[in-house]
PDB file of all heavy atoms in Angstrom:
ATOM      1  N   ASP A   1       0.824  -1.207   0.000  1.00  0.00           N
ATOM      2  CA  ASP A   1       0.000   0.000   0.000  1.00  0.00           C
ATOM      3  C   ASP A   1       0.859   1.258   0.000  1.00  0.00           C
ATOM      4  O   ASP A   1       0.558   2.233  -0.690  1.00  0.00           O
ATOM      5  CB  ASP A   1      -0.939   0.009   1.209  1.00  0.00           C
ATOM      6  CG  ASP A   1      -2.003  -1.063   1.121  1.00  0.00           C
ATOM      7  OD1 ASP A   1      -2.272  -1.550  -0.001  1.00  0.00           O
ATOM      8  OD2 ASP A   1      -2.563  -1.425   2.176  1.00  0.00           O
ATOM      9  N   ARG A   2       1.942   1.250   0.769  1.00  0.00           N
ATOM     10  CA  ARG A   2       2.846   2.402   0.809  1.00  0.00           C
ATOM     11  C   ARG A   2       3.488   2.624  -0.552  1.00  0.00           C
ATOM     12  O   ARG A   2       3.615   3.765  -1.014  1.00  0.00           O
ATOM     13  CB  ARG A   2       3.919   2.186   1.874  1.00  0.00           C
ATOM     14  CG  ARG A   2       4.826   3.385   2.048  1.00  0.00           C
ATOM     15  CD  ARG A   2       5.857   3.151   3.099  1.00  0.00           C
ATOM     16  NE  ARG A   2       5.219   2.864   4.383  1.00  0.00           N
ATOM     17  CZ  ARG A   2       5.862   2.369   5.428  1.00  0.00           C
ATOM     18  NH1 ARG A   2       7.145   2.092   5.336  1.00  0.00           N
ATOM     19  NH2 ARG A   2       5.237   2.147   6.554  1.00  0.00           N
ATOM     20  N   ASN A   3       3.890   1.536  -1.218  1.00  0.00           N
ATOM     21  CA  ASN A   3       4.489   1.662  -2.546  1.00  0.00           C
ATOM     22  C   ASN A   3       3.494   2.222  -3.552  1.00  0.00           C
ATOM     23  O   ASN A   3       3.866   2.992  -4.442  1.00  0.00           O
ATOM     24  CB  ASN A   3       5.007   0.316  -3.036  1.00  0.00           C
ATOM     25  CG  ASN A   3       6.305  -0.065  -2.375  1.00  0.00           C
ATOM     26  OD1 ASN A   3       6.973   0.761  -1.776  1.00  0.00           O
ATOM     27  ND2 ASN A   3       6.650  -1.328  -2.472  1.00  0.00           N
ATOM     28  N   LYS A   4       2.217   1.836  -3.438  1.00  0.00           N
ATOM     29  CA  LYS A   4       1.193   2.374  -4.339  1.00  0.00           C
ATOM     30  C   LYS A   4       1.075   3.883  -4.185  1.00  0.00           C
ATOM     31  O   LYS A   4       0.971   4.618  -5.174  1.00  0.00           O
ATOM     32  CB  LYS A   4      -0.163   1.730  -4.063  1.00  0.00           C
ATOM     33  CG  LYS A   4      -0.322   0.354  -4.617  1.00  0.00           C
ATOM     34  CD  LYS A   4      -1.714  -0.170  -4.317  1.00  0.00           C
ATOM     35  CE  LYS A   4      -1.870  -1.597  -4.739  1.00  0.00           C
ATOM     36  NZ  LYS A   4      -3.199  -2.127  -4.393  1.00  0.00           N
ATOM     37  N   LYS A   5       1.068   4.359  -2.941  1.00  0.00           N
ATOM     38  CA  LYS A   5       0.965   5.803  -2.704  1.00  0.00           C
ATOM     39  C   LYS A   5       2.184   6.525  -3.258  1.00  0.00           C
ATOM     40  O   LYS A   5       2.058   7.584  -3.896  1.00  0.00           O
ATOM     41  CB  LYS A   5       0.829   6.081  -1.210  1.00  0.00           C
ATOM     42  CG  LYS A   5      -0.497   5.667  -0.636  1.00  0.00           C
ATOM     43  CD  LYS A   5      -0.547   5.937   0.854  1.00  0.00           C
ATOM     44  CE  LYS A   5      -1.834   5.414   1.457  1.00  0.00           C
ATOM     45  NZ  LYS A   5      -1.875   5.604   2.912  1.00  0.00           N
ATOM     46  N   GLN A   6       3.370   5.969  -3.028  1.00  0.00           N
ATOM     47  CA  GLN A   6       4.585   6.603  -3.538  1.00  0.00           C
ATOM     48  C   GLN A   6       4.620   6.588  -5.063  1.00  0.00           C
ATOM     49  O   GLN A   6       5.080   7.552  -5.688  1.00  0.00           O
ATOM     50  CB  GLN A   6       5.819   5.897  -2.976  1.00  0.00           C
ATOM     51  CG  GLN A   6       6.037   6.144  -1.504  1.00  0.00           C
ATOM     52  CD  GLN A   6       7.203   5.345  -0.955  1.00  0.00           C
ATOM     53  OE1 GLN A   6       7.690   4.410  -1.584  1.00  0.00           O
ATOM     54  NE2 GLN A   6       7.653   5.718   0.226  1.00  0.00           N
ATOM     55  N   MET A   7       4.129   5.516  -5.662  1.00  0.00           N
ATOM     56  CA  MET A   7       4.103   5.432  -7.117  1.00  0.00           C
ATOM     57  C   MET A   7       3.142   6.463  -7.708  1.00  0.00           C
ATOM     58  O   MET A   7       3.464   7.124  -8.688  1.00  0.00           O
ATOM     59  CB  MET A   7       3.698   4.026  -7.557  1.00  0.00           C
ATOM     60  CG  MET A   7       3.761   3.816  -9.046  1.00  0.00           C
ATOM     61  SD  MET A   7       3.465   2.126  -9.578  1.00  0.00           S
ATOM     62  CE  MET A   7       1.932   1.735  -8.788  1.00  0.00           C
ATOM     63  N   ARG A   8       1.975   6.617  -7.090  1.00  0.00           N
ATOM     64  CA  ARG A   8       1.033   7.639  -7.570  1.00  0.00           C
ATOM     65  C   ARG A   8       1.635   9.031  -7.464  1.00  0.00           C
ATOM     66  O   ARG A   8       1.502   9.849  -8.381  1.00  0.00           O
ATOM     67  CB  ARG A   8      -0.268   7.579  -6.769  1.00  0.00           C
ATOM     68  CG  ARG A   8      -1.243   6.566  -7.305  1.00  0.00           C
ATOM     69  CD  ARG A   8      -2.509   6.646  -6.553  1.00  0.00           C
ATOM     70  NE  ARG A   8      -2.223   6.058  -5.238  1.00  0.00           N
ATOM     71  CZ  ARG A   8      -3.120   5.625  -4.380  1.00  0.00           C
ATOM     72  NH1 ARG A   8      -4.375   5.747  -4.637  1.00  0.00           N
ATOM     73  NH2 ARG A   8      -2.765   5.084  -3.245  1.00  0.00           N
ATOM     74  N   PHE A   9       2.316   9.324  -6.350  1.00  0.00           N
ATOM     75  CA  PHE A   9       2.932  10.639  -6.187  1.00  0.00           C
ATOM     76  C   PHE A   9       4.019  10.856  -7.247  1.00  0.00           C
ATOM     77  O   PHE A   9       4.121  11.945  -7.818  1.00  0.00           O
ATOM     78  CB  PHE A   9       3.518  10.786  -4.784  1.00  0.00           C
ATOM     79  CG  PHE A   9       4.137  12.122  -4.543  1.00  0.00           C
ATOM     80  CD1 PHE A   9       3.343  13.243  -4.372  1.00  0.00           C
ATOM     81  CD2 PHE A   9       5.504  12.264  -4.498  1.00  0.00           C
ATOM     82  CE1 PHE A   9       3.916  14.486  -4.157  1.00  0.00           C
ATOM     83  CE2 PHE A   9       6.084  13.500  -4.280  1.00  0.00           C
ATOM     84  CZ  PHE A   9       5.281  14.614  -4.115  1.00  0.00           C
ATOM     85  N   ALA A  10       4.829   9.825  -7.500  1.00  0.00           N
ATOM     86  CA  ALA A  10       5.876   9.947  -8.525  1.00  0.00           C
ATOM     87  C   ALA A  10       5.271  10.207  -9.902  1.00  0.00           C
ATOM     88  O   ALA A  10       5.811  10.996 -10.685  1.00  0.00           O
ATOM     89  CB  ALA A  10       6.738   8.689  -8.550  1.00  0.00           C
ATOM     90  N   LEU A  11       4.140   9.582 -10.190  1.00  0.00           N
ATOM     91  CA  LEU A  11       3.488   9.817 -11.478  1.00  0.00           C
ATOM     92  C   LEU A  11       2.884  11.214 -11.563  1.00  0.00           C
ATOM     93  O   LEU A  11       2.914  11.843 -12.630  1.00  0.00           O
ATOM     94  CB  LEU A  11       2.424   8.751 -11.729  1.00  0.00           C
ATOM     95  CG  LEU A  11       2.962   7.352 -12.026  1.00  0.00           C
ATOM     96  CD1 LEU A  11       1.828   6.346 -12.093  1.00  0.00           C
ATOM     97  CD2 LEU A  11       3.776   7.347 -13.296  1.00  0.00           C
ATOM     98  N   VAL A  12       2.348  11.721 -10.461  1.00  0.00           N
ATOM     99  CA  VAL A  12       1.809  13.088 -10.464  1.00  0.00           C
ATOM    100  C   VAL A  12       2.933  14.096 -10.675  1.00  0.00           C
ATOM    101  O   VAL A  12       2.803  15.035 -11.480  1.00  0.00           O
ATOM    102  CB  VAL A  12       1.033  13.377  -9.153  1.00  0.00           C
ATOM    103  CG1 VAL A  12       0.745  14.852  -8.992  1.00  0.00           C
ATOM    104  CG2 VAL A  12      -0.253  12.582  -9.120  1.00  0.00           C
ATOM    105  N   VAL A  13       4.044  13.902  -9.973  1.00  0.00           N
ATOM    106  CA  VAL A  13       5.186  14.807 -10.158  1.00  0.00           C
ATOM    107  C   VAL A  13       5.708  14.693 -11.586  1.00  0.00           C
ATOM    108  O   VAL A  13       6.066  15.704 -12.214  1.00  0.00           O
ATOM    109  CB  VAL A  13       6.294  14.502  -9.120  1.00  0.00           C
ATOM    110  CG1 VAL A  13       7.564  15.255  -9.430  1.00  0.00           C
ATOM    111  CG2 VAL A  13       5.815  14.840  -7.722  1.00  0.00           C
ATOM    112  N   GLY A  14       5.737  13.484 -12.136  1.00  0.00           N
ATOM    113  CA  GLY A  14       6.147  13.300 -13.528  1.00  0.00           C
ATOM    114  C   GLY A  14       5.223  14.020 -14.496  1.00  0.00           C
ATOM    115  O   GLY A  14       5.676  14.596 -15.490  1.00  0.00           O
ATOM    116  N   ALA A  15       3.922  14.003 -14.209  1.00  0.00           N
ATOM    117  CA  ALA A  15       2.967  14.713 -15.065  1.00  0.00           C
ATOM    118  C   ALA A  15       3.196  16.217 -15.004  1.00  0.00           C
ATOM    119  O   ALA A  15       3.112  16.916 -16.025  1.00  0.00           O
ATOM    120  CB  ALA A  15       1.538  14.371 -14.660  1.00  0.00           C
ATOM    121  N   VAL A  16       3.498  16.732 -13.812  1.00  0.00           N
ATOM    122  CA  VAL A  16       3.778  18.170 -13.671  1.00  0.00           C
ATOM    123  C   VAL A  16       5.046  18.531 -14.432  1.00  0.00           C
ATOM    124  O   VAL A  16       5.094  19.555 -15.133  1.00  0.00           O
ATOM    125  CB  VAL A  16       3.878  18.558 -12.180  1.00  0.00           C
ATOM    126  CG1 VAL A  16       4.419  19.966 -12.009  1.00  0.00           C
ATOM    127  CG2 VAL A  16       2.525  18.414 -11.496  1.00  0.00           C
ATOM    128  N   ILE A  17       6.074  17.695 -14.330  1.00  0.00           N
ATOM    129  CA  ILE A  17       7.318  17.961 -15.060  1.00  0.00           C
ATOM    130  C   ILE A  17       7.072  17.895 -16.566  1.00  0.00           C
ATOM    131  O   ILE A  17       7.591  18.725 -17.325  1.00  0.00           O
ATOM    132  CB  ILE A  17       8.416  16.973 -14.621  1.00  0.00           C
ATOM    133  CG1 ILE A  17       8.810  17.224 -13.168  1.00  0.00           C
ATOM    134  CG2 ILE A  17       9.643  17.096 -15.510  1.00  0.00           C
ATOM    135  CD1 ILE A  17       9.707  16.153 -12.578  1.00  0.00           C
ATOM    136  N   ALA A  18       6.267  16.929 -17.010  1.00  0.00           N
ATOM    137  CA  ALA A  18       5.961  16.824 -18.440  1.00  0.00           C
ATOM    138  C   ALA A  18       5.203  18.063 -18.921  1.00  0.00           C
ATOM    139  O   ALA A  18       5.458  18.564 -20.020  1.00  0.00           O
ATOM    140  CB  ALA A  18       5.147  15.561 -18.711  1.00  0.00           C
ATOM    141  N   LEU A  19       4.292  18.554 -18.096  1.00  0.00           N
ATOM    142  CA  LEU A  19       3.561  19.762 -18.448  1.00  0.00           C
ATOM    143  C   LEU A  19       4.506  20.958 -18.552  1.00  0.00           C
ATOM    144  O   LEU A  19       4.408  21.761 -19.495  1.00  0.00           O
ATOM    145  CB  LEU A  19       2.464  20.041 -17.413  1.00  0.00           C
ATOM    146  CG  LEU A  19       1.596  21.261 -17.667  1.00  0.00           C
ATOM    147  CD1 LEU A  19       0.746  21.036 -18.911  1.00  0.00           C
ATOM    148  CD2 LEU A  19       0.716  21.526 -16.469  1.00  0.00           C
ATOM    149  N   LEU A  20       5.421  21.085 -17.597  1.00  0.00           N
ATOM    150  CA  LEU A  20       6.407  22.164 -17.672  1.00  0.00           C
ATOM    151  C   LEU A  20       7.293  22.029 -18.903  1.00  0.00           C
ATOM    152  O   LEU A  20       7.631  23.017 -19.549  1.00  0.00           O
ATOM    153  CB  LEU A  20       7.273  22.171 -16.407  1.00  0.00           C
ATOM    154  CG  LEU A  20       6.608  22.658 -15.136  1.00  0.00           C
ATOM    155  CD1 LEU A  20       7.526  22.422 -13.949  1.00  0.00           C
ATOM    156  CD2 LEU A  20       6.268  24.130 -15.250  1.00  0.00           C
ATOM    157  N   LEU A  21       7.685  20.801 -19.213  1.00  0.00           N
ATOM    158  CA  LEU A  21       8.519  20.556 -20.390  1.00  0.00           C
ATOM    159  C   LEU A  21       7.783  20.936 -21.670  1.00  0.00           C
ATOM    160  O   LEU A  21       8.355  21.526 -22.585  1.00  0.00           O
ATOM    161  CB  LEU A  21       8.928  19.080 -20.432  1.00  0.00           C
ATOM    162  CG  LEU A  21       9.863  18.628 -21.526  1.00  0.00           C
ATOM    163  CD1 LEU A  21      11.199  19.348 -21.421  1.00  0.00           C
ATOM    164  CD2 LEU A  21      10.068  17.133 -21.446  1.00  0.00           C
ATOM    165  N   TRP A  22       6.511  20.650 -21.727  1.00  0.00           N
ATOM    166  CA  TRP A  22       5.712  20.946 -22.911  1.00  0.00           C
ATOM    167  C   TRP A  22       5.455  22.441 -23.047  1.00  0.00           C
ATOM    168  O   TRP A  22       5.460  22.986 -24.160  1.00  0.00           O
ATOM    169  CB  TRP A  22       4.398  20.177 -22.810  1.00  0.00           C
ATOM    170  CG  TRP A  22       3.459  20.414 -23.943  1.00  0.00           C
ATOM    171  CD1 TRP A  22       3.695  20.233 -25.272  1.00  0.00           C
ATOM    172  CD2 TRP A  22       2.119  20.878 -23.839  1.00  0.00           C
ATOM    173  NE1 TRP A  22       2.584  20.549 -26.005  1.00  0.00           N
ATOM    174  CE2 TRP A  22       1.593  20.942 -25.142  1.00  0.00           C
ATOM    175  CE3 TRP A  22       1.307  21.220 -22.769  1.00  0.00           C
ATOM    176  CZ2 TRP A  22       0.303  21.364 -25.393  1.00  0.00           C
ATOM    177  CZ3 TRP A  22       0.022  21.617 -23.026  1.00  0.00           C
ATOM    178  CH2 TRP A  22      -0.473  21.696 -24.324  1.00  0.00           C
ATOM    179  N   GLN A  23       5.255  23.148 -21.927  1.00  0.00           N
ATOM    180  CA  GLN A  23       4.879  24.555 -21.959  1.00  0.00           C
ATOM    181  C   GLN A  23       6.054  25.527 -21.948  1.00  0.00           C
ATOM    182  O   GLN A  23       5.862  26.710 -22.186  1.00  0.00           O
ATOM    183  CB  GLN A  23       3.974  24.878 -20.757  1.00  0.00           C
ATOM    184  CG  GLN A  23       2.601  24.255 -20.849  1.00  0.00           C
ATOM    185  CD  GLN A  23       1.773  24.876 -21.958  1.00  0.00           C
ATOM    186  OE1 GLN A  23       1.835  26.073 -22.204  1.00  0.00           O
ATOM    187  NE2 GLN A  23       1.001  24.045 -22.634  1.00  0.00           N
ATOM    188  N   THR A  24       7.248  25.062 -21.639  1.00  0.00           N
ATOM    189  CA  THR A  24       8.358  25.996 -21.505  1.00  0.00           C
ATOM    190  C   THR A  24       8.759  26.592 -22.856  1.00  0.00           C
ATOM    191  O   THR A  24       8.721  25.924 -23.885  1.00  0.00           O
ATOM    192  CB  THR A  24       9.572  25.334 -20.829  1.00  0.00           C
ATOM    193  OG1 THR A  24      10.528  26.339 -20.546  1.00  0.00           O
ATOM    194  CG2 THR A  24      10.207  24.284 -21.696  1.00  0.00           C
ATOM    195  N   VAL A  25       9.113  27.869 -22.808  1.00  0.00           N
ATOM    196  CA  VAL A  25       9.593  28.542 -24.012  1.00  0.00           C
ATOM    197  C   VAL A  25      11.104  28.745 -23.940  1.00  0.00           C
ATOM    198  O   VAL A  25      11.716  29.133 -24.922  1.00  0.00           O
ATOM    199  CB  VAL A  25       8.888  29.909 -24.213  1.00  0.00           C
ATOM    200  CG1 VAL A  25       7.429  29.694 -24.534  1.00  0.00           C
ATOM    201  CG2 VAL A  25       9.066  30.810 -23.016  1.00  0.00           C
ATOM    202  N   TRP A  26      11.690  28.488 -22.782  1.00  0.00           N
ATOM    203  CA  TRP A  26      13.130  28.625 -22.611  1.00  0.00           C
ATOM    204  C   TRP A  26      13.807  27.319 -22.992  1.00  0.00           C
ATOM    205  O   TRP A  26      13.604  26.273 -22.355  1.00  0.00           O
ATOM    206  CB  TRP A  26      13.475  28.989 -21.173  1.00  0.00           C
ATOM    207  CG  TRP A  26      12.932  30.312 -20.747  1.00  0.00           C
ATOM    208  CD1 TRP A  26      12.843  31.450 -21.482  1.00  0.00           C
ATOM    209  CD2 TRP A  26      12.388  30.626 -19.472  1.00  0.00           C
ATOM    210  NE1 TRP A  26      12.286  32.452 -20.752  1.00  0.00           N
ATOM    211  CE2 TRP A  26      11.997  31.986 -19.499  1.00  0.00           C
ATOM    212  CE3 TRP A  26      12.181  29.911 -18.297  1.00  0.00           C
ATOM    213  CZ2 TRP A  26      11.437  32.618 -18.425  1.00  0.00           C
ATOM    214  CZ3 TRP A  26      11.628  30.548 -17.213  1.00  0.00           C
ATOM    215  CH2 TRP A  26      11.268  31.888 -17.289  1.00  0.00           C
ATOM    216  N   LEU A  27      14.603  27.381 -24.005  1.00  0.00           N
ATOM    217  CA  LEU A  27      15.258  26.172 -24.503  1.00  0.00           C
ATOM    218  C   LEU A  27      16.261  25.600 -23.504  1.00  0.00           C
ATOM    219  O   LEU A  27      16.514  24.400 -23.506  1.00  0.00           O
ATOM    220  CB  LEU A  27      15.954  26.470 -25.832  1.00  0.00           C
ATOM    221  CG  LEU A  27      15.018  26.812 -26.993  1.00  0.00           C
ATOM    222  CD1 LEU A  27      15.836  27.135 -28.233  1.00  0.00           C
ATOM    223  CD2 LEU A  27      14.073  25.672 -27.257  1.00  0.00           C
ATOM    224  N   ARG A  28      16.812  26.440 -22.640  1.00  0.00           N
ATOM    225  CA  ARG A  28      17.793  25.959 -21.672  1.00  0.00           C
ATOM    226  C   ARG A  28      17.172  25.081 -20.597  1.00  0.00           C
ATOM    227  O   ARG A  28      17.876  24.332 -19.931  1.00  0.00           O
ATOM    228  CB  ARG A  28      18.491  27.145 -21.018  1.00  0.00           C
ATOM    229  CG  ARG A  28      19.300  27.944 -22.007  1.00  0.00           C
ATOM    230  CD  ARG A  28      20.086  28.947 -21.282  1.00  0.00           C
ATOM    231  NE  ARG A  28      21.317  28.275 -20.878  1.00  0.00           N
ATOM    232  CZ  ARG A  28      22.500  28.815 -20.933  1.00  0.00           C
ATOM    233  NH1 ARG A  28      22.627  30.053 -21.325  1.00  0.00           N
ATOM    234  NH2 ARG A  28      23.559  28.143 -20.573  1.00  0.00           N
ATOM    235  N   LEU A  29      15.863  25.180 -20.400  1.00  0.00           N
ATOM    236  CA  LEU A  29      15.202  24.361 -19.382  1.00  0.00           C
ATOM    237  C   LEU A  29      14.805  22.975 -19.877  1.00  0.00           C
ATOM    238  O   LEU A  29      14.528  22.088 -19.083  1.00  0.00           O
ATOM    239  CB  LEU A  29      13.950  25.071 -18.869  1.00  0.00           C
ATOM    240  CG  LEU A  29      14.160  26.159 -17.837  1.00  0.00           C
ATOM    241  CD1 LEU A  29      12.826  26.760 -17.440  1.00  0.00           C
ATOM    242  CD2 LEU A  29      14.857  25.613 -16.620  1.00  0.00           C
ATOM    243  N   ARG A  30      14.771  22.797 -21.165  1.00  0.00           N
ATOM    244  CA  ARG A  30      14.280  21.518 -21.697  1.00  0.00           C
ATOM    245  C   ARG A  30      15.164  20.323 -21.344  1.00  0.00           C
ATOM    246  O   ARG A  30      14.638  19.295 -20.921  1.00  0.00           O
ATOM    247  CB  ARG A  30      14.078  21.622 -23.193  1.00  0.00           C
ATOM    248  CG  ARG A  30      12.877  22.500 -23.490  1.00  0.00           C
ATOM    249  CD  ARG A  30      12.443  22.438 -24.885  1.00  0.00           C
ATOM    250  NE  ARG A  30      11.257  23.298 -25.012  1.00  0.00           N
ATOM    251  CZ  ARG A  30      10.559  23.390 -26.084  1.00  0.00           C
ATOM    252  NH1 ARG A  30      10.905  22.721 -27.148  1.00  0.00           N
ATOM    253  NH2 ARG A  30       9.506  24.188 -26.115  1.00  0.00           N
ATOM    254  N   PRO A  31      16.485  20.380 -21.489  1.00  0.00           N
ATOM    255  CA  PRO A  31      17.289  19.201 -21.104  1.00  0.00           C
ATOM    256  C   PRO A  31      17.178  18.844 -19.614  1.00  0.00           C
ATOM    257  O   PRO A  31      16.982  17.669 -19.289  1.00  0.00           O
ATOM    258  CB  PRO A  31      18.718  19.590 -21.495  1.00  0.00           C
ATOM    259  CG  PRO A  31      18.556  20.613 -22.553  1.00  0.00           C
ATOM    260  CD  PRO A  31      17.311  21.377 -22.207  1.00  0.00           C
ATOM    261  N   PRO A  32      17.271  19.817 -18.689  1.00  0.00           N
ATOM    262  CA  PRO A  32      17.120  19.430 -17.276  1.00  0.00           C
ATOM    263  C   PRO A  32      15.728  18.875 -16.957  1.00  0.00           C
ATOM    264  O   PRO A  32      15.597  17.931 -16.172  1.00  0.00           O
ATOM    265  CB  PRO A  32      17.363  20.725 -16.500  1.00  0.00           C
ATOM    266  CG  PRO A  32      18.113  21.603 -17.412  1.00  0.00           C
ATOM    267  CD  PRO A  32      17.690  21.217 -18.796  1.00  0.00           C
ATOM    268  N   LEU A  33      14.691  19.440 -17.571  1.00  0.00           N
ATOM    269  CA  LEU A  33      13.351  18.910 -17.342  1.00  0.00           C
ATOM    270  C   LEU A  33      13.200  17.504 -17.911  1.00  0.00           C
ATOM    271  O   LEU A  33      12.524  16.659 -17.329  1.00  0.00           O
ATOM    272  CB  LEU A  33      12.298  19.844 -17.935  1.00  0.00           C
ATOM    273  CG  LEU A  33      12.046  21.138 -17.166  1.00  0.00           C
ATOM    274  CD1 LEU A  33      11.101  22.044 -17.954  1.00  0.00           C
ATOM    275  CD2 LEU A  33      11.488  20.861 -15.793  1.00  0.00           C
ATOM    276  N   GLY A  34      13.838  17.245 -19.032  1.00  0.00           N
ATOM    277  CA  GLY A  34      13.820  15.896 -19.597  1.00  0.00           C
ATOM    278  C   GLY A  34      14.519  14.892 -18.687  1.00  0.00           C
ATOM    279  O   GLY A  34      14.045  13.765 -18.499  1.00  0.00           O
TER     280      GLY A  34
END
């Protein structure tokens, strides 16, 4: 159960990072976000 909660949180953070990667206009941020 603990692993399920941690996995969901990791996926939510991954979704936020993917959204930032998709929306960023600064090219210098794309490699670190990737």
